[in-house]
Amino acid sequence: MPPRRAAPDSSSAATDDARARILRTAAELLFARGYGALTMDELAHELGMSKKTIYVHFAGKDEILLAIIGAIGEGVRRQTDAVLGDRDLGLVEKLRQVLLIISQNMGRASPGLLRELQRLAPRAYRSIDELRATNIPLVIGRILRMGAAEGLVRDDVDPEFATEFWISAINGLSDPAVLGRTGLTPRETFDRAIRIFLDGVATEAGRRQIAAALESEAPPRPGAGGRSGNRVGG
Protein backbone atom coordinates (compact mmCIF):
# COMPACT_ATOMS: atom_id res chain seq x y z
CA MET A 1 0.00 0.00 0.00
CA PRO A 2 1.55 3.33 -1.09
CA PRO A 3 2.33 5.80 1.66
CA ARG A 4 -0.32 8.43 2.28
CA ARG A 5 0.62 11.90 1.06
CA ALA A 6 0.77 14.60 3.67
CA ALA A 7 -2.09 17.06 3.43
CA PRO A 8 -1.15 20.61 2.38
CA ASP A 9 -0.44 22.86 5.34
CA SER A 10 -3.36 25.26 5.05
CA SER A 11 -2.11 27.40 7.93
CA SER A 12 1.22 27.94 6.16
CA ALA A 13 -0.54 28.90 2.93
CA ALA A 14 -2.77 31.32 4.81
CA THR A 15 0.27 32.89 6.45
CA ASP A 16 1.99 33.33 3.07
CA ASP A 17 -1.16 34.88 1.62
CA ALA A 18 -1.49 37.28 4.54
CA ARG A 19 2.16 38.34 4.29
CA ALA A 20 1.84 38.89 0.55
CA ARG A 21 -1.30 40.97 1.03
CA ILE A 22 0.35 43.09 3.73
CA LEU A 23 3.43 43.69 1.57
CA ARG A 24 1.36 44.52 -1.50
CA THR A 25 -0.75 47.07 0.37
CA ALA A 26 2.27 48.52 2.19
CA ALA A 27 4.11 48.96 -1.12
CA GLU A 28 1.11 50.75 -2.61
CA LEU A 29 1.05 53.15 0.36
CA LEU A 30 4.80 53.66 0.29
CA PHE A 31 5.10 54.47 -3.42
CA ALA A 32 1.89 56.48 -3.67
CA ARG A 33 2.06 58.52 -0.47
CA GLY A 34 5.57 58.23 0.96
CA TYR A 35 7.36 56.84 3.97
CA GLY A 36 5.52 59.06 6.44
CA ALA A 37 2.15 57.76 5.29
CA LEU A 38 3.16 54.15 5.83
CA THR A 39 2.12 53.81 9.47
CA MET A 40 0.89 50.66 11.11
CA ASP A 41 -2.43 52.38 11.82
CA GLU A 42 -2.90 53.39 8.18
CA LEU A 43 -1.80 49.99 6.94
CA ALA A 44 -4.25 48.24 9.27
CA HIS A 45 -7.01 50.55 8.04
CA GLU A 46 -6.23 49.89 4.37
CA LEU A 47 -6.08 46.14 4.97
CA GLY A 48 -9.17 45.99 7.16
CA MET A 49 -7.26 44.04 9.80
CA SER A 50 -5.96 44.76 13.27
CA LYS A 51 -2.43 45.96 13.98
CA LYS A 52 -2.07 42.91 16.19
CA THR A 53 -2.55 40.69 13.13
CA ILE A 54 0.06 42.63 11.17
CA TYR A 55 2.54 42.22 14.03
CA VAL A 56 2.02 38.47 13.86
CA HIS A 57 3.70 38.58 10.43
CA PHE A 58 6.11 41.51 10.77
CA ALA A 59 7.94 42.95 13.75
CA GLY A 60 7.32 46.49 12.58
CA LYS A 61 7.52 49.08 9.83
CA ASP A 62 11.26 48.64 9.21
CA GLU A 63 10.87 44.92 8.64
CA ILE A 64 8.05 45.59 6.19
CA LEU A 65 10.23 48.09 4.31
CA LEU A 66 13.10 45.62 4.03
CA ALA A 67 10.70 42.93 2.83
CA ILE A 68 9.31 45.26 0.14
CA ILE A 69 12.80 46.11 -1.12
CA GLY A 70 13.81 42.44 -1.04
CA ALA A 71 10.71 41.41 -2.97
CA ILE A 72 11.42 44.02 -5.66
CA GLY A 73 14.97 42.72 -5.97
CA GLU A 74 13.79 39.14 -6.29
CA GLY A 75 11.24 40.18 -8.91
CA VAL A 76 13.86 41.98 -10.98
CA ARG A 77 16.21 38.98 -10.82
CA ARG A 78 13.43 36.58 -11.78
CA GLN A 79 12.32 38.68 -14.75
CA THR A 80 15.82 39.42 -16.03
CA ASP A 81 16.89 35.79 -15.66
CA ALA A 82 13.92 34.75 -17.80
CA VAL A 83 14.84 37.27 -20.50
CA LEU A 84 18.56 36.47 -20.54
CA GLY A 85 17.81 32.76 -20.64
CA ASP A 86 15.39 33.02 -23.58
CA ARG A 87 17.14 31.39 -26.54
CA ASP A 88 14.64 32.87 -28.99
CA LEU A 89 15.84 36.42 -28.28
CA GLY A 90 18.93 38.05 -29.71
CA LEU A 91 21.33 39.78 -27.34
CA VAL A 92 20.30 43.33 -28.25
CA GLU A 93 16.64 42.51 -27.69
CA LYS A 94 17.53 40.88 -24.38
CA LEU A 95 19.38 44.05 -23.42
CA ARG A 96 16.40 46.20 -24.39
CA GLN A 97 13.99 44.14 -22.32
CA VAL A 98 16.31 43.91 -19.30
CA LEU A 99 16.88 47.68 -19.24
CA LEU A 100 13.13 48.27 -19.48
CA ILE A 101 12.51 45.98 -16.49
CA ILE A 102 15.12 47.80 -14.40
CA SER A 103 13.99 51.24 -15.53
CA GLN A 104 10.35 50.55 -14.68
CA ASN A 105 11.28 49.34 -11.20
CA MET A 106 13.50 52.35 -10.56
CA GLY A 107 10.60 54.54 -11.64
CA ARG A 108 8.56 53.44 -8.64
CA ALA A 109 10.62 55.56 -6.23
CA SER A 110 10.63 59.34 -6.47
CA PRO A 111 13.45 61.60 -5.28
CA GLY A 112 11.23 62.57 -2.37
CA LEU A 113 10.82 59.00 -1.20
CA LEU A 114 14.54 58.38 -1.42
CA ARG A 115 15.17 61.51 0.66
CA GLU A 116 12.75 60.23 3.30
CA LEU A 117 14.37 56.81 3.42
CA GLN A 118 17.88 58.26 3.60
CA ARG A 119 16.88 60.51 6.51
CA LEU A 120 14.32 58.44 8.39
CA ALA A 121 15.02 54.81 7.47
CA PRO A 122 18.77 54.54 6.84
CA ARG A 123 18.77 50.75 7.11
CA ALA A 124 16.22 50.47 4.32
CA TYR A 125 18.09 53.05 2.26
CA ARG A 126 21.35 51.10 2.63
CA SER A 127 19.56 47.94 1.58
CA ILE A 128 18.79 49.57 -1.80
CA ASP A 129 22.52 50.07 -2.41
CA GLU A 130 23.15 46.50 -1.28
CA LEU A 131 20.47 45.28 -3.66
CA ARG A 132 22.16 47.03 -6.57
CA ALA A 133 25.52 45.57 -5.53
CA THR A 134 23.95 42.09 -5.66
CA ASN A 135 21.83 42.43 -8.79
CA ILE A 136 24.06 44.51 -11.07
CA PRO A 137 26.87 41.93 -11.40
CA LEU A 138 24.28 39.25 -12.13
CA VAL A 139 22.65 41.33 -14.87
CA ILE A 140 25.01 43.96 -16.30
CA GLY A 141 28.09 41.77 -15.79
CA ARG A 142 26.39 38.91 -17.61
CA ILE A 143 25.32 41.17 -20.49
CA LEU A 144 28.85 42.56 -20.87
CA ARG A 145 30.33 39.07 -21.14
CA MET A 146 27.67 38.00 -23.63
CA GLY A 147 28.21 41.20 -25.61
CA ALA A 148 31.98 40.66 -25.77
CA ALA A 149 31.41 37.15 -27.10
CA GLU A 150 29.23 38.54 -29.91
CA GLY A 151 31.49 41.47 -30.80
CA LEU A 152 29.12 44.10 -29.42
CA VAL A 153 31.30 44.99 -26.41
CA ARG A 154 34.93 46.02 -26.84
CA ASP A 155 37.40 43.24 -26.11
CA ASP A 156 39.54 45.57 -23.99
CA VAL A 157 36.68 46.12 -21.50
CA ASP A 158 37.12 44.26 -18.21
CA PRO A 159 33.57 43.12 -17.29
CA GLU A 160 34.32 43.05 -13.54
CA PHE A 161 35.80 46.55 -13.50
CA ALA A 162 33.06 47.93 -15.75
CA THR A 163 30.43 46.41 -13.46
CA GLU A 164 32.00 47.99 -10.37
CA PHE A 165 32.21 51.30 -12.25
CA TRP A 166 28.49 51.09 -13.06
CA ILE A 167 27.54 50.23 -9.46
CA SER A 168 29.44 53.29 -8.17
CA ALA A 169 28.05 55.53 -10.89
CA ILE A 170 24.38 54.62 -10.47
CA ASN A 171 24.59 54.69 -6.66
CA GLY A 172 26.12 58.16 -6.79
CA LEU A 173 23.71 59.50 -9.40
CA SER A 174 20.72 58.11 -7.46
CA ASP A 175 21.66 59.92 -4.25
CA PRO A 176 18.82 62.30 -3.32
CA ALA A 177 21.18 65.30 -3.20
CA VAL A 178 22.41 64.58 -6.74
CA LEU A 179 18.85 64.05 -7.98
CA GLY A 180 18.00 67.43 -6.51
CA ARG A 181 20.80 69.07 -8.49
CA THR A 182 20.05 67.30 -11.77
CA GLY A 183 16.29 67.69 -11.46
CA LEU A 184 15.82 64.13 -12.70
CA THR A 185 13.82 61.21 -11.34
CA PRO A 186 15.55 57.90 -10.60
CA ARG A 187 14.14 56.43 -13.81
CA GLU A 188 15.31 59.35 -15.94
CA THR A 189 18.72 59.11 -14.29
CA PHE A 190 19.01 55.40 -15.06
CA ASP A 191 17.82 55.81 -18.65
CA ARG A 192 20.38 58.54 -19.38
CA ALA A 193 23.28 57.00 -17.47
CA ILE A 194 22.95 53.53 -18.99
CA ARG A 195 23.13 54.99 -22.49
CA ILE A 196 26.36 56.83 -21.68
CA PHE A 197 27.76 53.67 -20.07
CA LEU A 198 26.86 51.39 -22.99
CA ASP A 199 28.20 53.89 -25.51
CA GLY A 200 31.53 53.73 -23.72
CA VAL A 201 31.86 49.93 -23.61
CA ALA A 202 30.31 49.03 -26.98
CA THR A 203 32.06 48.50 -30.29
CA GLU A 204 31.03 50.67 -33.24
CA ALA A 205 28.70 47.93 -34.45
CA GLY A 206 27.39 47.49 -30.92
CA ARG A 207 26.64 51.21 -30.58
CA ARG A 208 24.59 51.20 -33.76
CA GLN A 209 22.57 48.14 -32.79
CA ILE A 210 22.03 49.24 -29.19
CA ALA A 211 21.04 52.77 -30.21
CA ALA A 212 18.49 51.42 -32.68
CA ALA A 213 17.05 48.98 -30.14
CA LEU A 214 16.75 51.58 -27.39
CA GLU A 215 15.35 54.34 -29.56
CA SER A 216 11.76 53.44 -28.68
CA GLU A 217 12.66 53.56 -24.99
CA ALA A 218 14.15 57.07 -25.05
CA PRO A 219 13.66 58.83 -21.69
CA PRO A 220 11.34 61.85 -21.48
CA ARG A 221 12.92 65.30 -21.60
CA PRO A 222 12.82 67.38 -18.41
CA GLY A 223 9.57 69.28 -18.36
CA ALA A 224 7.98 66.86 -20.83
CA GLY A 225 6.16 64.86 -18.21
CA GLY A 226 9.04 62.95 -16.63
CA ARG A 227 8.48 64.54 -13.20
CA SER A 228 4.71 64.79 -13.31
CA GLY A 229 2.20 62.47 -11.72
CA ASN A 230 2.18 61.20 -8.16
CA ARG A 231 5.26 62.30 -6.26
CA VAL A 232 6.16 60.53 -3.07
CA GLY A 233 7.25 62.53 -0.07
CA GLY A 234 7.94 65.74 -1.98
C-alpha atoms as a PDB file:
ATOM      1  CA  MET A   1       0.000   0.000   0.000  1.00  0.00           C
ATOM      2  CA  PRO A   2       1.549   3.326  -1.088  1.00  0.00           C
ATOM      3  CA  PRO A   3       2.333   5.804   1.662  1.00  0.00           C
ATOM      4  CA  ARG A   4      -0.315   8.426   2.282  1.00  0.00           C
ATOM      5  CA  ARG A   5       0.618  11.901   1.064  1.00  0.00           C
ATOM      6  CA  ALA A   6       0.769  14.604   3.669  1.00  0.00           C
ATOM      7  CA  ALA A   7      -2.090  17.058   3.433  1.00  0.00           C
ATOM      8  CA  PRO A   8      -1.145  20.613   2.385  1.00  0.00           C
ATOM      9  CA  ASP A   9      -0.439  22.863   5.342  1.00  0.00           C
ATOM     10  CA  SER A  10      -3.361  25.263   5.055  1.00  0.00           C
ATOM     11  CA  SER A  11      -2.109  27.399   7.932  1.00  0.00           C
ATOM     12  CA  SER A  12       1.221  27.944   6.162  1.00  0.00           C
ATOM     13  CA  ALA A  13      -0.536  28.899   2.933  1.00  0.00           C
ATOM     14  CA  ALA A  14      -2.769  31.317   4.812  1.00  0.00           C
ATOM     15  CA  THR A  15       0.272  32.893   6.451  1.00  0.00           C
ATOM     16  CA  ASP A  16       1.987  33.335   3.071  1.00  0.00           C
ATOM     17  CA  ASP A  17      -1.161  34.885   1.617  1.00  0.00           C
ATOM     18  CA  ALA A  18      -1.487  37.277   4.539  1.00  0.00           C
ATOM     19  CA  ARG A  19       2.161  38.343   4.290  1.00  0.00           C
ATOM     20  CA  ALA A  20       1.844  38.889   0.549  1.00  0.00           C
ATOM     21  CA  ARG A  21      -1.303  40.972   1.034  1.00  0.00           C
ATOM     22  CA  ILE A  22       0.354  43.087   3.733  1.00  0.00           C
ATOM     23  CA  LEU A  23       3.425  43.693   1.571  1.00  0.00           C
ATOM     24  CA  ARG A  24       1.357  44.523  -1.504  1.00  0.00           C
ATOM     25  CA  THR A  25      -0.747  47.074   0.367  1.00  0.00           C
ATOM     26  CA  ALA A  26       2.271  48.516   2.192  1.00  0.00           C
ATOM     27  CA  ALA A  27       4.106  48.958  -1.121  1.00  0.00           C
ATOM     28  CA  GLU A  28       1.112  50.754  -2.609  1.00  0.00           C
ATOM     29  CA  LEU A  29       1.050  53.147   0.359  1.00  0.00           C
ATOM     30  CA  LEU A  30       4.801  53.662   0.286  1.00  0.00           C
ATOM     31  CA  PHE A  31       5.101  54.474  -3.421  1.00  0.00           C
ATOM     32  CA  ALA A  32       1.890  56.476  -3.666  1.00  0.00           C
ATOM     33  CA  ARG A  33       2.063  58.525  -0.469  1.00  0.00           C
ATOM     34  CA  GLY A  34       5.569  58.228   0.959  1.00  0.00           C
ATOM     35  CA  TYR A  35       7.364  56.841   3.966  1.00  0.00           C
ATOM     36  CA  GLY A  36       5.522  59.058   6.443  1.00  0.00           C
ATOM     37  CA  ALA A  37       2.147  57.758   5.285  1.00  0.00           C
ATOM     38  CA  LEU A  38       3.164  54.146   5.833  1.00  0.00           C
ATOM     39  CA  THR A  39       2.117  53.814   9.465  1.00  0.00           C
ATOM     40  CA  MET A  40       0.886  50.659  11.110  1.00  0.00           C
ATOM     41  CA  ASP A  41      -2.434  52.384  11.822  1.00  0.00           C
ATOM     42  CA  GLU A  42      -2.900  53.391   8.182  1.00  0.00           C
ATOM     43  CA  LEU A  43      -1.797  49.987   6.942  1.00  0.00           C
ATOM     44  CA  ALA A  44      -4.255  48.243   9.271  1.00  0.00           C
ATOM     45  CA  HIS A  45      -7.012  50.545   8.037  1.00  0.00           C
ATOM     46  CA  GLU A  46      -6.229  49.888   4.371  1.00  0.00           C
ATOM     47  CA  LEU A  47      -6.079  46.144   4.968  1.00  0.00           C
ATOM     48  CA  GLY A  48      -9.168  45.989   7.155  1.00  0.00           C
ATOM     49  CA  MET A  49      -7.257  44.041   9.799  1.00  0.00           C
ATOM     50  CA  SER A  50      -5.959  44.761  13.268  1.00  0.00           C
ATOM     51  CA  LYS A  51      -2.434  45.958  13.981  1.00  0.00           C
ATOM     52  CA  LYS A  52      -2.068  42.906  16.189  1.00  0.00           C
ATOM     53  CA  THR A  53      -2.547  40.691  13.134  1.00  0.00           C
ATOM     54  CA  ILE A  54       0.055  42.630  11.170  1.00  0.00           C
ATOM     55  CA  TYR A  55       2.537  42.224  14.033  1.00  0.00           C
ATOM     56  CA  VAL A  56       2.024  38.467  13.862  1.00  0.00           C
ATOM     57  CA  HIS A  57       3.698  38.582  10.431  1.00  0.00           C
ATOM     58  CA  PHE A  58       6.112  41.512  10.767  1.00  0.00           C
ATOM     59  CA  ALA A  59       7.941  42.948  13.750  1.00  0.00           C
ATOM     60  CA  GLY A  60       7.319  46.493  12.580  1.00  0.00           C
ATOM     61  CA  LYS A  61       7.524  49.082   9.830  1.00  0.00           C
ATOM     62  CA  ASP A  62      11.258  48.643   9.209  1.00  0.00           C
ATOM     63  CA  GLU A  63      10.871  44.915   8.641  1.00  0.00           C
ATOM     64  CA  ILE A  64       8.047  45.592   6.187  1.00  0.00           C
ATOM     65  CA  LEU A  65      10.231  48.095   4.310  1.00  0.00           C
ATOM     66  CA  LEU A  66      13.100  45.623   4.034  1.00  0.00           C
ATOM     67  CA  ALA A  67      10.701  42.930   2.830  1.00  0.00           C
ATOM     68  CA  ILE A  68       9.312  45.256   0.140  1.00  0.00           C
ATOM     69  CA  ILE A  69      12.801  46.111  -1.121  1.00  0.00           C
ATOM     70  CA  GLY A  70      13.808  42.443  -1.037  1.00  0.00           C
ATOM     71  CA  ALA A  71      10.707  41.412  -2.972  1.00  0.00           C
ATOM     72  CA  ILE A  72      11.423  44.020  -5.658  1.00  0.00           C
ATOM     73  CA  GLY A  73      14.973  42.721  -5.971  1.00  0.00           C
ATOM     74  CA  GLU A  74      13.792  39.137  -6.294  1.00  0.00           C
ATOM     75  CA  GLY A  75      11.239  40.178  -8.908  1.00  0.00           C
ATOM     76  CA  VAL A  76      13.864  41.976 -10.983  1.00  0.00           C
ATOM     77  CA  ARG A  77      16.207  38.983 -10.824  1.00  0.00           C
ATOM     78  CA  ARG A  78      13.431  36.581 -11.780  1.00  0.00           C
ATOM     79  CA  GLN A  79      12.324  38.681 -14.753  1.00  0.00           C
ATOM     80  CA  THR A  80      15.816  39.422 -16.032  1.00  0.00           C
ATOM     81  CA  ASP A  81      16.890  35.787 -15.663  1.00  0.00           C
ATOM     82  CA  ALA A  82      13.922  34.754 -17.795  1.00  0.00           C
ATOM     83  CA  VAL A  83      14.839  37.267 -20.504  1.00  0.00           C
ATOM     84  CA  LEU A  84      18.557  36.471 -20.538  1.00  0.00           C
ATOM     85  CA  GLY A  85      17.814  32.756 -20.637  1.00  0.00           C
ATOM     86  CA  ASP A  86      15.393  33.024 -23.585  1.00  0.00           C
ATOM     87  CA  ARG A  87      17.144  31.391 -26.536  1.00  0.00           C
ATOM     88  CA  ASP A  88      14.643  32.871 -28.987  1.00  0.00           C
ATOM     89  CA  LEU A  89      15.843  36.422 -28.276  1.00  0.00           C
ATOM     90  CA  GLY A  90      18.932  38.051 -29.713  1.00  0.00           C
ATOM     91  CA  LEU A  91      21.327  39.777 -27.340  1.00  0.00           C
ATOM     92  CA  VAL A  92      20.301  43.325 -28.250  1.00  0.00           C
ATOM     93  CA  GLU A  93      16.638  42.514 -27.688  1.00  0.00           C
ATOM     94  CA  LYS A  94      17.533  40.876 -24.378  1.00  0.00           C
ATOM     95  CA  LEU A  95      19.377  44.054 -23.418  1.00  0.00           C
ATOM     96  CA  ARG A  96      16.404  46.205 -24.391  1.00  0.00           C
ATOM     97  CA  GLN A  97      13.987  44.140 -22.317  1.00  0.00           C
ATOM     98  CA  VAL A  98      16.310  43.912 -19.305  1.00  0.00           C
ATOM     99  CA  LEU A  99      16.878  47.675 -19.240  1.00  0.00           C
ATOM    100  CA  LEU A 100      13.135  48.272 -19.482  1.00  0.00           C
ATOM    101  CA  ILE A 101      12.508  45.982 -16.492  1.00  0.00           C
ATOM    102  CA  ILE A 102      15.123  47.797 -14.397  1.00  0.00           C
ATOM    103  CA  SER A 103      13.985  51.241 -15.527  1.00  0.00           C
ATOM    104  CA  GLN A 104      10.348  50.547 -14.678  1.00  0.00           C
ATOM    105  CA  ASN A 105      11.277  49.338 -11.201  1.00  0.00           C
ATOM    106  CA  MET A 106      13.503  52.354 -10.556  1.00  0.00           C
ATOM    107  CA  GLY A 107      10.605  54.539 -11.637  1.00  0.00           C
ATOM    108  CA  ARG A 108       8.564  53.435  -8.637  1.00  0.00           C
ATOM    109  CA  ALA A 109      10.619  55.557  -6.234  1.00  0.00           C
ATOM    110  CA  SER A 110      10.627  59.342  -6.473  1.00  0.00           C
ATOM    111  CA  PRO A 111      13.453  61.596  -5.284  1.00  0.00           C
ATOM    112  CA  GLY A 112      11.228  62.569  -2.371  1.00  0.00           C
ATOM    113  CA  LEU A 113      10.816  59.000  -1.200  1.00  0.00           C
ATOM    114  CA  LEU A 114      14.543  58.378  -1.420  1.00  0.00           C
ATOM    115  CA  ARG A 115      15.172  61.511   0.659  1.00  0.00           C
ATOM    116  CA  GLU A 116      12.753  60.229   3.298  1.00  0.00           C
ATOM    117  CA  LEU A 117      14.367  56.805   3.422  1.00  0.00           C
ATOM    118  CA  GLN A 118      17.877  58.259   3.597  1.00  0.00           C
ATOM    119  CA  ARG A 119      16.880  60.513   6.506  1.00  0.00           C
ATOM    120  CA  LEU A 120      14.319  58.439   8.393  1.00  0.00           C
ATOM    121  CA  ALA A 121      15.016  54.812   7.468  1.00  0.00           C
ATOM    122  CA  PRO A 122      18.769  54.544   6.838  1.00  0.00           C
ATOM    123  CA  ARG A 123      18.774  50.751   7.115  1.00  0.00           C
ATOM    124  CA  ALA A 124      16.217  50.465   4.317  1.00  0.00           C
ATOM    125  CA  TYR A 125      18.088  53.052   2.263  1.00  0.00           C
ATOM    126  CA  ARG A 126      21.347  51.097   2.631  1.00  0.00           C
ATOM    127  CA  SER A 127      19.555  47.938   1.578  1.00  0.00           C
ATOM    128  CA  ILE A 128      18.789  49.574  -1.796  1.00  0.00           C
ATOM    129  CA  ASP A 129      22.522  50.074  -2.415  1.00  0.00           C
ATOM    130  CA  GLU A 130      23.152  46.503  -1.277  1.00  0.00           C
ATOM    131  CA  LEU A 131      20.467  45.276  -3.656  1.00  0.00           C
ATOM    132  CA  ARG A 132      22.159  47.031  -6.572  1.00  0.00           C
ATOM    133  CA  ALA A 133      25.517  45.574  -5.534  1.00  0.00           C
ATOM    134  CA  THR A 134      23.948  42.090  -5.656  1.00  0.00           C
ATOM    135  CA  ASN A 135      21.831  42.431  -8.794  1.00  0.00           C
ATOM    136  CA  ILE A 136      24.061  44.507 -11.068  1.00  0.00           C
ATOM    137  CA  PRO A 137      26.874  41.928 -11.403  1.00  0.00           C
ATOM    138  CA  LEU A 138      24.279  39.247 -12.127  1.00  0.00           C
ATOM    139  CA  VAL A 139      22.654  41.327 -14.869  1.00  0.00           C
ATOM    140  CA  ILE A 140      25.008  43.957 -16.300  1.00  0.00           C
ATOM    141  CA  GLY A 141      28.092  41.771 -15.794  1.00  0.00           C
ATOM    142  CA  ARG A 142      26.393  38.915 -17.610  1.00  0.00           C
ATOM    143  CA  ILE A 143      25.321  41.173 -20.488  1.00  0.00           C
ATOM    144  CA  LEU A 144      28.855  42.559 -20.871  1.00  0.00           C
ATOM    145  CA  ARG A 145      30.325  39.066 -21.136  1.00  0.00           C
ATOM    146  CA  MET A 146      27.667  37.998 -23.635  1.00  0.00           C
ATOM    147  CA  GLY A 147      28.213  41.203 -25.614  1.00  0.00           C
ATOM    148  CA  ALA A 148      31.976  40.658 -25.773  1.00  0.00           C
ATOM    149  CA  ALA A 149      31.412  37.147 -27.105  1.00  0.00           C
ATOM    150  CA  GLU A 150      29.226  38.542 -29.910  1.00  0.00           C
ATOM    151  CA  GLY A 151      31.486  41.466 -30.799  1.00  0.00           C
ATOM    152  CA  LEU A 152      29.117  44.102 -29.423  1.00  0.00           C
ATOM    153  CA  VAL A 153      31.297  44.988 -26.414  1.00  0.00           C
ATOM    154  CA  ARG A 154      34.931  46.025 -26.843  1.00  0.00           C
ATOM    155  CA  ASP A 155      37.399  43.236 -26.109  1.00  0.00           C
ATOM    156  CA  ASP A 156      39.541  45.573 -23.986  1.00  0.00           C
ATOM    157  CA  VAL A 157      36.684  46.119 -21.505  1.00  0.00           C
ATOM    158  CA  ASP A 158      37.116  44.262 -18.215  1.00  0.00           C
ATOM    159  CA  PRO A 159      33.568  43.117 -17.285  1.00  0.00           C
ATOM    160  CA  GLU A 160      34.320  43.047 -13.545  1.00  0.00           C
ATOM    161  CA  PHE A 161      35.802  46.554 -13.500  1.00  0.00           C
ATOM    162  CA  ALA A 162      33.056  47.932 -15.754  1.00  0.00           C
ATOM    163  CA  THR A 163      30.434  46.414 -13.459  1.00  0.00           C
ATOM    164  CA  GLU A 164      32.002  47.994 -10.366  1.00  0.00           C
ATOM    165  CA  PHE A 165      32.206  51.303 -12.247  1.00  0.00           C
ATOM    166  CA  TRP A 166      28.493  51.089 -13.059  1.00  0.00           C
ATOM    167  CA  ILE A 167      27.540  50.234  -9.465  1.00  0.00           C
ATOM    168  CA  SER A 168      29.438  53.286  -8.171  1.00  0.00           C
ATOM    169  CA  ALA A 169      28.048  55.530 -10.894  1.00  0.00           C
ATOM    170  CA  ILE A 170      24.382  54.616 -10.465  1.00  0.00           C
ATOM    171  CA  ASN A 171      24.592  54.694  -6.659  1.00  0.00           C
ATOM    172  CA  GLY A 172      26.116  58.158  -6.792  1.00  0.00           C
ATOM    173  CA  LEU A 173      23.711  59.499  -9.395  1.00  0.00           C
ATOM    174  CA  SER A 174      20.722  58.108  -7.460  1.00  0.00           C
ATOM    175  CA  ASP A 175      21.664  59.918  -4.254  1.00  0.00           C
ATOM    176  CA  PRO A 176      18.818  62.302  -3.324  1.00  0.00           C
ATOM    177  CA  ALA A 177      21.182  65.303  -3.196  1.00  0.00           C
ATOM    178  CA  VAL A 178      22.409  64.578  -6.736  1.00  0.00           C
ATOM    179  CA  LEU A 179      18.851  64.046  -7.983  1.00  0.00           C
ATOM    180  CA  GLY A 180      18.005  67.427  -6.507  1.00  0.00           C
ATOM    181  CA  ARG A 181      20.804  69.067  -8.488  1.00  0.00           C
ATOM    182  CA  THR A 182      20.050  67.304 -11.771  1.00  0.00           C
ATOM    183  CA  GLY A 183      16.290  67.692 -11.456  1.00  0.00           C
ATOM    184  CA  LEU A 184      15.820  64.126 -12.701  1.00  0.00           C
ATOM    185  CA  THR A 185      13.817  61.214 -11.344  1.00  0.00           C
ATOM    186  CA  PRO A 186      15.548  57.897 -10.602  1.00  0.00           C
ATOM    187  CA  ARG A 187      14.136  56.435 -13.815  1.00  0.00           C
ATOM    188  CA  GLU A 188      15.309  59.355 -15.938  1.00  0.00           C
ATOM    189  CA  THR A 189      18.717  59.114 -14.287  1.00  0.00           C
ATOM    190  CA  PHE A 190      19.006  55.401 -15.059  1.00  0.00           C
ATOM    191  CA  ASP A 191      17.822  55.814 -18.655  1.00  0.00           C
ATOM    192  CA  ARG A 192      20.384  58.536 -19.376  1.00  0.00           C
ATOM    193  CA  ALA A 193      23.278  56.997 -17.468  1.00  0.00           C
ATOM    194  CA  ILE A 194      22.955  53.531 -18.992  1.00  0.00           C
ATOM    195  CA  ARG A 195      23.131  54.995 -22.490  1.00  0.00           C
ATOM    196  CA  ILE A 196      26.365  56.828 -21.675  1.00  0.00           C
ATOM    197  CA  PHE A 197      27.762  53.668 -20.072  1.00  0.00           C
ATOM    198  CA  LEU A 198      26.861  51.394 -22.986  1.00  0.00           C
ATOM    199  CA  ASP A 199      28.199  53.888 -25.511  1.00  0.00           C
ATOM    200  CA  GLY A 200      31.531  53.728 -23.722  1.00  0.00           C
ATOM    201  CA  VAL A 201      31.858  49.929 -23.613  1.00  0.00           C
ATOM    202  CA  ALA A 202      30.309  49.033 -26.976  1.00  0.00           C
ATOM    203  CA  THR A 203      32.058  48.505 -30.285  1.00  0.00           C
ATOM    204  CA  GLU A 204      31.032  50.669 -33.238  1.00  0.00           C
ATOM    205  CA  ALA A 205      28.696  47.925 -34.455  1.00  0.00           C
ATOM    206  CA  GLY A 206      27.393  47.492 -30.921  1.00  0.00           C
ATOM    207  CA  ARG A 207      26.645  51.211 -30.583  1.00  0.00           C
ATOM    208  CA  ARG A 208      24.588  51.200 -33.762  1.00  0.00           C
ATOM    209  CA  GLN A 209      22.574  48.143 -32.792  1.00  0.00           C
ATOM    210  CA  ILE A 210      22.028  49.238 -29.189  1.00  0.00           C
ATOM    211  CA  ALA A 211      21.037  52.768 -30.208  1.00  0.00           C
ATOM    212  CA  ALA A 212      18.488  51.418 -32.680  1.00  0.00           C
ATOM    213  CA  ALA A 213      17.047  48.977 -30.140  1.00  0.00           C
ATOM    214  CA  LEU A 214      16.746  51.584 -27.387  1.00  0.00           C
ATOM    215  CA  GLU A 215      15.347  54.342 -29.563  1.00  0.00           C
ATOM    216  CA  SER A 216      11.763  53.436 -28.675  1.00  0.00           C
ATOM    217  CA  GLU A 217      12.663  53.559 -24.993  1.00  0.00           C
ATOM    218  CA  ALA A 218      14.145  57.068 -25.050  1.00  0.00           C
ATOM    219  CA  PRO A 219      13.664  58.829 -21.694  1.00  0.00           C
ATOM    220  CA  PRO A 220      11.339  61.849 -21.483  1.00  0.00           C
ATOM    221  CA  ARG A 221      12.920  65.298 -21.601  1.00  0.00           C
ATOM    222  CA  PRO A 222      12.819  67.382 -18.409  1.00  0.00           C
ATOM    223  CA  GLY A 223       9.571  69.279 -18.361  1.00  0.00           C
ATOM    224  CA  ALA A 224       7.978  66.862 -20.826  1.00  0.00           C
ATOM    225  CA  GLY A 225       6.164  64.863 -18.208  1.00  0.00           C
ATOM    226  CA  GLY A 226       9.039  62.949 -16.628  1.00  0.00           C
ATOM    227  CA  ARG A 227       8.476  64.543 -13.195  1.00  0.00           C
ATOM    228  CA  SER A 228       4.714  64.793 -13.315  1.00  0.00           C
ATOM    229  CA  GLY A 229       2.202  62.468 -11.716  1.00  0.00           C
ATOM    230  CA  ASN A 230       2.183  61.203  -8.161  1.00  0.00           C
ATOM    231  CA  ARG A 231       5.256  62.296  -6.260  1.00  0.00           C
ATOM    232  CA  VAL A 232       6.164  60.533  -3.071  1.00  0.00           C
ATOM    233  CA  GLY A 233       7.249  62.525  -0.074  1.00  0.00           C
ATOM    234  CA  GLY A 234       7.938  65.738  -1.977  1.00  0.00           C
END
